[in-house]
C-alpha atoms as a PDB file:
ATOM      1  CA  MET A   1      -1.992 -38.603  27.300  1.00  0.00           C
ATOM      2  CA  PRO A   2      -5.493 -38.720  24.783  1.00  0.00           C
ATOM      3  CA  GLN A   3      -4.908 -40.157  21.657  1.00  0.00           C
ATOM      4  CA  LEU A   4      -7.477 -39.361  19.217  1.00  0.00           C
ATOM      5  CA  ILE A   5      -9.478 -36.564  17.783  1.00  0.00           C
ATOM      6  CA  VAL A   6     -12.859 -36.064  18.415  1.00  0.00           C
ATOM      7  CA  VAL A   7     -15.603 -34.552  15.132  1.00  0.00           C
ATOM      8  CA  GLY A   8     -19.355 -33.676  16.177  1.00  0.00           C
ATOM      9  CA  VAL A   9     -20.839 -33.997  12.934  1.00  0.00           C
ATOM     10  CA  ASP A  10     -24.988 -33.052  12.563  1.00  0.00           C
ATOM     11  CA  GLY A  11     -25.274 -33.431   8.915  1.00  0.00           C
ATOM     12  CA  SER A  12     -24.755 -29.380   8.136  1.00  0.00           C
ATOM     13  CA  ALA A  13     -22.135 -27.942   5.857  1.00  0.00           C
ATOM     14  CA  ASP A  14     -20.549 -26.371   8.669  1.00  0.00           C
ATOM     15  CA  SER A  15     -19.922 -30.156   9.934  1.00  0.00           C
ATOM     16  CA  ARG A  16     -18.897 -31.435   6.857  1.00  0.00           C
ATOM     17  CA  VAL A  17     -16.055 -28.759   6.600  1.00  0.00           C
ATOM     18  CA  ALA A  18     -15.514 -29.729  10.393  1.00  0.00           C
ATOM     19  CA  ALA A  19     -14.780 -33.135   9.567  1.00  0.00           C
ATOM     20  CA  ASP A  20     -12.759 -32.117   6.234  1.00  0.00           C
ATOM     21  CA  TRP A  21     -10.310 -30.287   8.599  1.00  0.00           C
ATOM     22  CA  ALA A  22     -10.379 -32.798  11.279  1.00  0.00           C
ATOM     23  CA  ALA A  23      -9.682 -35.481   9.347  1.00  0.00           C
ATOM     24  CA  THR A  24      -6.441 -33.388   7.936  1.00  0.00           C
ATOM     25  CA  GLU A  25      -5.545 -32.714  11.565  1.00  0.00           C
ATOM     26  CA  ALA A  26      -5.859 -36.788  12.441  1.00  0.00           C
ATOM     27  CA  GLU A  27      -2.799 -37.212   9.555  1.00  0.00           C
ATOM     28  CA  LEU A  28      -0.629 -34.678  11.297  1.00  0.00           C
ATOM     29  CA  CYS A  29      -1.492 -35.853  14.197  1.00  0.00           C
ATOM     30  CA  ASP A  30      -1.075 -39.868  13.040  1.00  0.00           C
ATOM     31  CA  LEU A  31      -3.691 -40.344  16.064  1.00  0.00           C
ATOM     32  CA  PRO A  32      -7.112 -41.658  15.120  1.00  0.00           C
ATOM     33  CA  LEU A  33     -10.331 -40.252  13.980  1.00  0.00           C
ATOM     34  CA  ARG A  34     -14.145 -40.497  16.036  1.00  0.00           C
ATOM     35  CA  VAL A  35     -17.164 -39.540  14.125  1.00  0.00           C
ATOM     36  CA  VAL A  36     -20.000 -38.382  16.188  1.00  0.00           C
ATOM     37  CA  HIS A  37     -23.153 -38.072  15.906  1.00  0.00           C
ATOM     38  CA  VAL A  38     -25.591 -37.050  18.381  1.00  0.00           C
ATOM     39  CA  SER A  39     -29.620 -38.373  17.630  1.00  0.00           C
ATOM     40  CA  THR A  40     -32.002 -36.292  19.825  1.00  0.00           C
ATOM     41  CA  LEU A  41     -34.600 -39.037  19.441  1.00  0.00           C
ATOM     42  CA  PRO A  42     -33.990 -42.779  20.075  1.00  0.00           C
ATOM     43  CA  ASP A  43     -34.526 -45.183  17.352  1.00  0.00           C
ATOM     44  CA  ASP A  44     -37.779 -46.425  18.063  1.00  0.00           C
ATOM     45  CA  GLN A  45     -39.271 -42.851  17.610  1.00  0.00           C
ATOM     46  CA  LEU A  46     -37.228 -42.604  14.117  1.00  0.00           C
ATOM     47  CA  LEU A  47     -39.317 -45.010  13.011  1.00  0.00           C
ATOM     48  CA  THR A  48     -42.593 -43.417  14.003  1.00  0.00           C
ATOM     49  CA  THR A  49     -41.608 -39.924  12.434  1.00  0.00           C
ATOM     50  CA  TRP A  50     -42.915 -37.606   9.893  1.00  0.00           C
ATOM     51  CA  PRO A  51     -41.390 -40.335   7.105  1.00  0.00           C
ATOM     52  CA  TYR A  52     -39.793 -37.517   5.237  1.00  0.00           C
ATOM     53  CA  PHE A  53     -37.856 -36.365   8.479  1.00  0.00           C
ATOM     54  CA  ARG A  54     -33.837 -38.027   7.817  1.00  0.00           C
ATOM     55  CA  GLU A  55     -31.076 -37.852  10.326  1.00  0.00           C
ATOM     56  CA  PRO A  56     -27.770 -37.383   8.726  1.00  0.00           C
ATOM     57  CA  SER A  57     -25.189 -40.544   7.953  1.00  0.00           C
ATOM     58  CA  PRO A  58     -22.248 -40.670   9.709  1.00  0.00           C
ATOM     59  CA  ASP A  59     -21.320 -44.144   7.965  1.00  0.00           C
ATOM     60  CA  ALA A  60     -21.803 -41.467   4.635  1.00  0.00           C
ATOM     61  CA  LEU A  61     -19.208 -39.409   5.646  1.00  0.00           C
ATOM     62  CA  LEU A  62     -16.689 -41.594   6.922  1.00  0.00           C
ATOM     63  CA  THR A  63     -16.829 -43.064   3.348  1.00  0.00           C
ATOM     64  CA  SER A  64     -16.090 -39.990   2.580  1.00  0.00           C
ATOM     65  CA  LEU A  65     -13.757 -38.935   4.851  1.00  0.00           C
ATOM     66  CA  THR A  66     -11.571 -42.018   4.036  1.00  0.00           C
ATOM     67  CA  LYS A  67     -11.747 -41.716   0.159  1.00  0.00           C
ATOM     68  CA  ASP A  68     -10.442 -38.369   0.150  1.00  0.00           C
ATOM     69  CA  HIS A  69      -7.645 -39.568   2.947  1.00  0.00           C
ATOM     70  CA  PRO A  70      -6.592 -42.620   2.230  1.00  0.00           C
ATOM     71  CA  GLU A  71      -4.178 -42.799   5.641  1.00  0.00           C
ATOM     72  CA  LEU A  72      -6.980 -41.799   7.726  1.00  0.00           C
ATOM     73  CA  ARG A  73      -7.841 -44.126  10.372  1.00  0.00           C
ATOM     74  CA  ALA A  74     -11.659 -43.613  11.613  1.00  0.00           C
ATOM     75  CA  GLU A  75     -14.668 -44.437  13.588  1.00  0.00           C
ATOM     76  CA  VAL A  76     -18.110 -43.429  13.465  1.00  0.00           C
ATOM     77  CA  ILE A  77     -20.154 -43.591  16.862  1.00  0.00           C
ATOM     78  CA  THR A  78     -23.780 -42.621  17.305  1.00  0.00           C
ATOM     79  CA  LEU A  79     -25.083 -41.566  20.967  1.00  0.00           C
ATOM     80  CA  THR A  80     -28.567 -40.295  21.954  1.00  0.00           C
ATOM     81  CA  GLY A  81     -29.316 -37.773  23.885  1.00  0.00           C
ATOM     82  CA  GLU A  82     -29.301 -34.414  24.121  1.00  0.00           C
ATOM     83  CA  VAL A  83     -26.589 -32.660  21.986  1.00  0.00           C
ATOM     84  CA  VAL A  84     -23.503 -30.951  24.015  1.00  0.00           C
ATOM     85  CA  PRO A  85     -23.737 -32.780  27.633  1.00  0.00           C
ATOM     86  CA  ALA A  86     -23.481 -35.924  24.984  1.00  0.00           C
ATOM     87  CA  LEU A  87     -20.287 -34.688  23.793  1.00  0.00           C
ATOM     88  CA  LEU A  88     -18.884 -33.012  27.060  1.00  0.00           C
ATOM     89  CA  PRO A  89     -17.660 -36.159  27.996  1.00  0.00           C
ATOM     90  CA  LEU A  90     -16.012 -37.257  24.980  1.00  0.00           C
ATOM     91  CA  THR A  91     -13.696 -33.767  25.097  1.00  0.00           C
ATOM     92  CA  ALA A  92     -11.743 -35.286  27.978  1.00  0.00           C
ATOM     93  CA  GLU A  93     -10.806 -38.634  25.929  1.00  0.00           C
ATOM     94  CA  ALA A  94      -9.749 -36.692  22.921  1.00  0.00           C
ATOM     95  CA  ASP A  95      -6.298 -34.908  22.008  1.00  0.00           C
ATOM     96  CA  ARG A  96      -8.749 -32.156  20.529  1.00  0.00           C
ATOM     97  CA  THR A  97     -12.214 -31.745  19.521  1.00  0.00           C
ATOM     98  CA  VAL A  98     -13.279 -30.629  16.095  1.00  0.00           C
ATOM     99  CA  LEU A  99     -16.760 -28.550  15.354  1.00  0.00           C
ATOM    100  CA  GLY A 100     -17.955 -26.424  12.760  1.00  0.00           C
ATOM    101  CA  LEU A 101     -19.139 -22.876  14.204  1.00  0.00           C
ATOM    102  CA  ARG A 102     -22.341 -23.676  13.383  1.00  0.00           C
ATOM    103  CA  GLY A 103     -24.972 -26.668  13.219  1.00  0.00           C
ATOM    104  CA  THR A 104     -28.262 -26.968  11.765  1.00  0.00           C
ATOM    105  CA  GLY A 105     -30.275 -24.954  14.122  1.00  0.00           C
ATOM    106  CA  GLY A 106     -30.324 -21.397  14.363  1.00  0.00           C
ATOM    107  CA  PHE A 107     -30.513 -18.824  12.220  1.00  0.00           C
ATOM    108  CA  ALA A 108     -29.668 -16.651   9.189  1.00  0.00           C
ATOM    109  CA  GLY A 109     -26.634 -14.804  10.767  1.00  0.00           C
ATOM    110  CA  LEU A 110     -25.957 -16.476  13.639  1.00  0.00           C
ATOM    111  CA  ALA A 111     -22.067 -16.885  13.921  1.00  0.00           C
ATOM    112  CA  LEU A 112     -21.868 -19.228  16.987  1.00  0.00           C
ATOM    113  CA  GLY A 113     -23.897 -21.985  17.292  1.00  0.00           C
ATOM    114  CA  SER A 114     -25.781 -23.189  20.574  1.00  0.00           C
ATOM    115  CA  VAL A 115     -23.387 -26.479  20.563  1.00  0.00           C
ATOM    116  CA  ALA A 116     -20.347 -24.639  19.634  1.00  0.00           C
ATOM    117  CA  HIS A 117     -20.758 -22.644  22.328  1.00  0.00           C
ATOM    118  CA  GLY A 118     -21.710 -25.244  25.312  1.00  0.00           C
ATOM    119  CA  VAL A 119     -19.109 -27.148  23.803  1.00  0.00           C
ATOM    120  CA  ALA A 120     -16.199 -24.605  23.845  1.00  0.00           C
ATOM    121  CA  GLU A 121     -16.721 -22.927  26.901  1.00  0.00           C
ATOM    122  CA  ARG A 122     -17.280 -26.788  29.276  1.00  0.00           C
ATOM    123  CA  SER A 123     -14.472 -28.795  27.445  1.00  0.00           C
ATOM    124  CA  GLU A 124     -12.061 -30.724  29.445  1.00  0.00           C
ATOM    125  CA  GLY A 125     -10.009 -30.395  26.108  1.00  0.00           C
ATOM    126  CA  PRO A 126      -9.083 -28.052  23.181  1.00  0.00           C
ATOM    127  CA  VAL A 127     -11.868 -27.529  21.089  1.00  0.00           C
ATOM    128  CA  VAL A 128     -11.565 -26.094  17.706  1.00  0.00           C
ATOM    129  CA  LEU A 129     -14.279 -24.301  16.157  1.00  0.00           C
ATOM    130  CA  VAL A 130     -14.078 -24.012  12.216  1.00  0.00           C
ATOM    131  CA  PRO A 131     -15.957 -21.855  10.339  1.00  0.00           C
ATOM    132  CA  SER A 132     -17.490 -22.523   7.021  1.00  0.00           C
ATOM    133  CA  GLY A 133     -15.549 -21.088   4.043  1.00  0.00           C
ATOM    134  CA  PHE A 134     -12.326 -22.335   5.378  1.00  0.00           C
ATOM    135  CA  VAL A 135     -10.556 -24.201   2.311  1.00  0.00           C
ATOM    136  CA  HIS A 136      -7.126 -24.985   3.554  1.00  0.00           C
ATOM    137  CA  HIS A 137      -5.782 -25.250  -0.208  1.00  0.00           C
ATOM    138  CA  HIS A 138      -7.526 -21.399  -0.953  1.00  0.00           C
ATOM    139  CA  ARG A 139      -5.549 -19.862   1.761  1.00  0.00           C
ATOM    140  CA  GLY A 140      -2.761 -18.020   1.283  1.00  0.00           C
ATOM    141  CA  ARG A 141       0.697 -19.413   2.506  1.00  0.00           C
ATOM    142  CA  SER A 142       2.414 -17.990   5.211  1.00  0.00           C
ATOM    143  CA  PRO A 143       5.867 -18.332   6.980  1.00  0.00           C
ATOM    144  CA  TYR A 144       3.887 -17.735   9.914  1.00  0.00           C
ATOM    145  CA  GLY A 145       0.839 -19.845   9.184  1.00  0.00           C
ATOM    146  CA  VAL A 146      -0.200 -20.695  13.217  1.00  0.00           C
ATOM    147  CA  THR A 147      -1.546 -17.732  15.190  1.00  0.00           C
ATOM    148  CA  LEU A 148      -1.073 -17.790  19.258  1.00  0.00           C
ATOM    149  CA  GLY A 149      -3.348 -14.931  21.055  1.00  0.00           C
ATOM    150  CA  VAL A 150      -1.947 -13.418  23.918  1.00  0.00           C
ATOM    151  CA  ASP A 151      -4.233 -11.222  26.274  1.00  0.00           C
ATOM    152  CA  GLY A 152      -1.036  -9.701  29.424  1.00  0.00           C
ATOM    153  CA  GLY A 153       1.919 -11.210  30.286  1.00  0.00           C
ATOM    154  CA  GLU A 154       0.558 -14.676  31.266  1.00  0.00           C
ATOM    155  CA  LEU A 155       1.405 -16.971  28.865  1.00  0.00           C
ATOM    156  CA  PRO A 156      -0.609 -20.573  30.194  1.00  0.00           C
ATOM    157  CA  GLY A 157       1.607 -23.315  29.301  1.00  0.00           C
ATOM    158  CA  ALA A 158      -0.967 -25.342  27.802  1.00  0.00           C
ATOM    159  CA  VAL A 159      -2.172 -22.727  25.416  1.00  0.00           C
ATOM    160  CA  VAL A 160       1.501 -22.146  24.781  1.00  0.00           C
ATOM    161  CA  GLY A 161       2.541 -25.492  23.816  1.00  0.00           C
ATOM    162  CA  PHE A 162      -0.561 -26.197  21.289  1.00  0.00           C
ATOM    163  CA  ALA A 163       0.083 -23.447  19.359  1.00  0.00           C
ATOM    164  CA  PHE A 164       3.944 -24.690  19.327  1.00  0.00           C
ATOM    165  CA  ASP A 165       3.025 -28.333  18.811  1.00  0.00           C
ATOM    166  CA  ALA A 166       0.534 -27.052  15.606  1.00  0.00           C
ATOM    167  CA  ALA A 167       3.109 -24.911  14.263  1.00  0.00           C
ATOM    168  CA  ARG A 168       5.853 -28.152  14.169  1.00  0.00           C
ATOM    169  CA  ARG A 169       3.005 -30.621  12.926  1.00  0.00           C
ATOM    170  CA  ARG A 170       2.674 -27.661  10.008  1.00  0.00           C
ATOM    171  CA  ASP A 171       6.146 -27.576   9.362  1.00  0.00           C
ATOM    172  CA  THR A 172       5.186 -22.907   9.478  1.00  0.00           C
ATOM    173  CA  GLY A 173       5.997 -20.649  12.102  1.00  0.00           C
ATOM    174  CA  LEU A 174       4.269 -19.205  14.750  1.00  0.00           C
ATOM    175  CA  HIS A 175       3.067 -15.818  14.719  1.00  0.00           C
ATOM    176  CA  VAL A 176       2.036 -14.513  18.456  1.00  0.00           C
ATOM    177  CA  VAL A 177       0.216 -11.499  18.910  1.00  0.00           C
ATOM    178  CA  HIS A 178       0.279 -10.051  22.486  1.00  0.00           C
ATOM    179  CA  ALA A 179      -2.444  -7.600  23.010  1.00  0.00           C
ATOM    180  CA  TRP A 180      -1.111  -4.837  25.264  1.00  0.00           C
ATOM    181  CA  ARG A 181      -2.481  -1.236  26.714  1.00  0.00           C
ATOM    182  CA  LEU A 182      -0.540   2.089  28.117  1.00  0.00           C
ATOM    183  CA  PRO A 183      -0.099   1.309  31.830  1.00  0.00           C
ATOM    184  CA  SER A 184      -2.585   1.902  34.489  1.00  0.00           C
ATOM    185  CA  PRO A 185      -3.152   5.429  34.961  1.00  0.00           C
ATOM    186  CA  ALA A 186      -1.455   6.384  32.164  1.00  0.00           C
ATOM    187  CA  GLU A 187      -4.646   5.003  29.569  1.00  0.00           C
ATOM    188  CA  HIS A 188      -7.053   7.018  32.487  1.00  0.00           C
ATOM    189  CA  TRP A 189      -5.373  10.268  32.583  1.00  0.00           C
ATOM    190  CA  MET A 190      -3.851  10.612  29.328  1.00  0.00           C
ATOM    191  CA  PRO A 191      -6.776  12.778  27.322  1.00  0.00           C
ATOM    192  CA  TYR A 192      -4.656  12.437  24.013  1.00  0.00           C
ATOM    193  CA  ALA A 193      -1.601  10.440  22.991  1.00  0.00           C
ATOM    194  CA  PRO A 194       1.669   9.943  25.102  1.00  0.00           C
ATOM    195  CA  PRO A 195       4.749  11.766  24.110  1.00  0.00           C
ATOM    196  CA  GLU A 196       6.755   9.448  22.098  1.00  0.00           C
ATOM    197  CA  LYS A 197      10.015   9.164  24.711  1.00  0.00           C
ATOM    198  CA  ASP A 198       7.468   7.650  27.404  1.00  0.00           C
ATOM    199  CA  ARG A 199       5.423   4.930  24.818  1.00  0.00           C
ATOM    200  CA  GLY A 200       8.642   3.888  23.741  1.00  0.00           C
ATOM    201  CA  ARG A 201       9.854   3.064  26.787  1.00  0.00           C
ATOM    202  CA  TRP A 202       6.663   1.697  27.735  1.00  0.00           C
ATOM    203  CA  GLU A 203       7.207  -0.998  24.550  1.00  0.00           C
ATOM    204  CA  ASP A 204      10.516  -1.727  25.471  1.00  0.00           C
ATOM    205  CA  GLN A 205       9.649  -2.977  28.489  1.00  0.00           C
ATOM    206  CA  GLU A 206       6.581  -4.865  27.299  1.00  0.00           C
ATOM    207  CA  THR A 207       8.674  -6.298  24.576  1.00  0.00           C
ATOM    208  CA  GLN A 208      11.719  -7.259  26.355  1.00  0.00           C
ATOM    209  CA  ARG A 209       9.341  -9.043  29.339  1.00  0.00           C
ATOM    210  CA  PHE A 210       7.400 -10.375  26.371  1.00  0.00           C
ATOM    211  CA  SER A 211      10.404 -12.032  24.896  1.00  0.00           C
ATOM    212  CA  ASP A 212      11.660 -13.282  28.373  1.00  0.00           C
ATOM    213  CA  ALA A 213       7.969 -15.421  28.490  1.00  0.00           C
ATOM    214  CA  LEU A 214       8.682 -17.338  25.769  1.00  0.00           C
ATOM    215  CA  ARG A 215      12.319 -17.985  25.874  1.00  0.00           C
ATOM    216  CA  PRO A 216      11.775 -21.265  27.209  1.00  0.00           C
ATOM    217  CA  TRP A 217       8.811 -21.974  24.415  1.00  0.00           C
ATOM    218  CA  ARG A 218      11.817 -21.071  21.989  1.00  0.00           C
ATOM    219  CA  GLU A 219      14.445 -23.162  23.700  1.00  0.00           C
ATOM    220  CA  LYS A 220      11.787 -26.295  23.762  1.00  0.00           C
ATOM    221  CA  TYR A 221      10.913 -26.048  20.069  1.00  0.00           C
ATOM    222  CA  PRO A 222      14.004 -24.872  18.724  1.00  0.00           C
ATOM    223  CA  HIS A 223      13.060 -25.264  15.080  1.00  0.00           C
ATOM    224  CA  VAL A 224       9.726 -23.152  15.062  1.00  0.00           C
ATOM    225  CA  GLY A 225      10.496 -20.072  13.909  1.00  0.00           C
ATOM    226  CA  VAL A 226       8.485 -17.469  16.430  1.00  0.00           C
ATOM    227  CA  TYR A 227       7.418 -13.763  14.847  1.00  0.00           C
ATOM    228  CA  GLU A 228       6.735 -12.092  18.262  1.00  0.00           C
ATOM    229  CA  ASP A 229       3.458  -9.280  17.477  1.00  0.00           C
ATOM    230  CA  LEU A 230       3.045  -6.247  20.004  1.00  0.00           C
ATOM    231  CA  ARG A 231      -0.143  -4.517  19.779  1.00  0.00           C
ATOM    232  CA  LEU A 232      -1.138  -1.529  20.841  1.00  0.00           C
ATOM    233  CA  GLN A 233      -4.799  -2.419  20.768  1.00  0.00           C
ATOM    234  CA  SER A 234      -8.057  -4.093  22.540  1.00  0.00           C
ATOM    235  CA  PRO A 235      -7.455  -8.225  23.117  1.00  0.00           C
ATOM    236  CA  ALA A 236     -10.637  -8.516  20.850  1.00  0.00           C
ATOM    237  CA  ALA A 237      -8.867  -5.840  17.523  1.00  0.00           C
ATOM    238  CA  ALA A 238      -5.491  -7.375  17.779  1.00  0.00           C
ATOM    239  CA  LEU A 239      -7.284 -11.101  17.939  1.00  0.00           C
ATOM    240  CA  VAL A 240     -10.287 -10.230  14.983  1.00  0.00           C
ATOM    241  CA  GLN A 241      -7.746  -8.609  13.187  1.00  0.00           C
ATOM    242  CA  ALA A 242      -4.984 -11.918  13.033  1.00  0.00           C
ATOM    243  CA  SER A 243      -7.989 -14.202  12.049  1.00  0.00           C
ATOM    244  CA  VAL A 244      -9.287 -12.728   9.147  1.00  0.00           C
ATOM    245  CA  SER A 245      -5.913 -12.245   7.723  1.00  0.00           C
ATOM    246  CA  ALA A 246      -5.609 -14.002   4.298  1.00  0.00           C
ATOM    247  CA  SER A 247      -2.540 -16.250   5.558  1.00  0.00           C
ATOM    248  CA  ALA A 248      -3.844 -17.637   9.074  1.00  0.00           C
ATOM    249  CA  GLU A 249      -4.283 -21.754   9.490  1.00  0.00           C
ATOM    250  CA  LEU A 250      -5.070 -21.308  12.814  1.00  0.00           C
ATOM    251  CA  LEU A 251      -5.809 -19.480  15.915  1.00  0.00           C
ATOM    252  CA  VAL A 252      -5.041 -20.827  19.384  1.00  0.00           C
ATOM    253  CA  THR A 253      -6.744 -18.721  22.293  1.00  0.00           C
ATOM    254  CA  GLY A 254      -6.653 -19.632  25.904  1.00  0.00           C
ATOM    255  CA  ARG A 255     -10.574 -20.256  28.245  1.00  0.00           C
ATOM    256  CA  ALA A 256      -9.292 -19.534  31.956  1.00  0.00           C
ATOM    257  CA  GLY A 257     -12.722 -20.371  33.204  1.00  0.00           C
ATOM    258  CA  ARG A 258     -16.281 -21.723  32.215  1.00  0.00           C
ATOM    259  CA  THR A 259     -17.282 -18.897  29.821  1.00  0.00           C
ATOM    260  CA  LEU A 260     -15.706 -17.552  26.538  1.00  0.00           C
ATOM    261  CA  GLY A 261     -15.529 -14.131  27.441  1.00  0.00           C
ATOM    262  CA  PRO A 262     -16.379 -10.759  25.051  1.00  0.00           C
ATOM    263  CA  THR A 263     -12.400 -11.204  23.340  1.00  0.00           C
ATOM    264  CA  LEU A 264     -13.452 -14.981  22.283  1.00  0.00           C
ATOM    265  CA  HIS A 265     -17.185 -14.234  20.978  1.00  0.00           C
ATOM    266  CA  ALA A 266     -15.091 -11.148  19.110  1.00  0.00           C
ATOM    267  CA  VAL A 267     -12.957 -13.435  17.251  1.00  0.00           C
ATOM    268  CA  LEU A 268     -15.919 -15.687  16.851  1.00  0.00           C
ATOM    269  CA  GLU A 269     -18.317 -13.724  15.132  1.00  0.00           C
ATOM    270  CA  HIS A 270     -16.114 -12.473  12.316  1.00  0.00           C
ATOM    271  CA  THR A 271     -13.235 -14.973  11.863  1.00  0.00           C
ATOM    272  CA  ALA A 272     -12.084 -16.799   8.615  1.00  0.00           C
ATOM    273  CA  CYS A 273      -9.939 -19.418   9.850  1.00  0.00           C
ATOM    274  CA  PRO A 274     -10.441 -22.173  12.295  1.00  0.00           C
ATOM    275  CA  VAL A 275      -9.956 -21.424  16.596  1.00  0.00           C
ATOM    276  CA  ALA A 276      -7.989 -23.477  18.693  1.00  0.00           C
ATOM    277  CA  VAL A 277     -10.030 -22.573  22.669  1.00  0.00           C
ATOM    278  CA  VAL A 278      -7.443 -24.387  25.358  1.00  0.00           C
ATOM    279  CA  PRO A 279      -8.681 -24.213  28.466  1.00  0.00           C
ATOM    280  CA  HIS A 280      -6.023 -23.130  30.931  1.00  0.00           C
ATOM    281  CA  HIS A 281      -5.617 -26.026  32.893  1.00  0.00           C
ATOM    282  CA  LEU A 282      -5.685 -29.355  30.940  1.00  0.00           C
END
């Protein structure tokens, strides 16, 4: 089992926020933190570059983190090369990898940076993407601080387990948002709202199926309260609403293949809280 948390830093404001979040997470999980900076220039070239060019100092960041988190066990490593290929092998070794949504590159208004995108869609382990504006103590405390987004009836064990464990460590409940649709072909041939009787019956069936799928997880984590939230919405709309909630501390989602997909892109475009992207098959 991976026994450390990795955070990638590049000197940007987003990566500093991500590092703070990762340090708090390392304390919650009682795991060491590895602060990783990837330089695109080798040391000998750095000496010959424009004299005002400065690489960020991960050592200074580590000093600041350990000052704010006295119990933190942390180390710094510096790698050279292309950032995404350098970080990807580390994701297989980490319990989770933490990145800012954006780095020093990109342009104003860009929600998801190329490094965050590349690592999140190809990582071997969970990746948590932290928006720049997120501050822990400014969030509204909720009995359900962790949100799990579910699309359809499948509940991938790695994703659900990550969410329940995150809620357990935070001593909070789990808000499970399940986006569902009217049974096909009803959603296609009905040009108007379905009769209340039919919708109620379909919703009851979906609620029961959803509850049955969650039951083994409730039994495994008996001290985690669960709020089942069935929404007749598109997955993107349901998860975006959950991610911008004032009480959201962490949103957990799954990744089925080697791409983030339109739902995750929509969430990352608007999220106000960290988003954990967990591969279905760890």
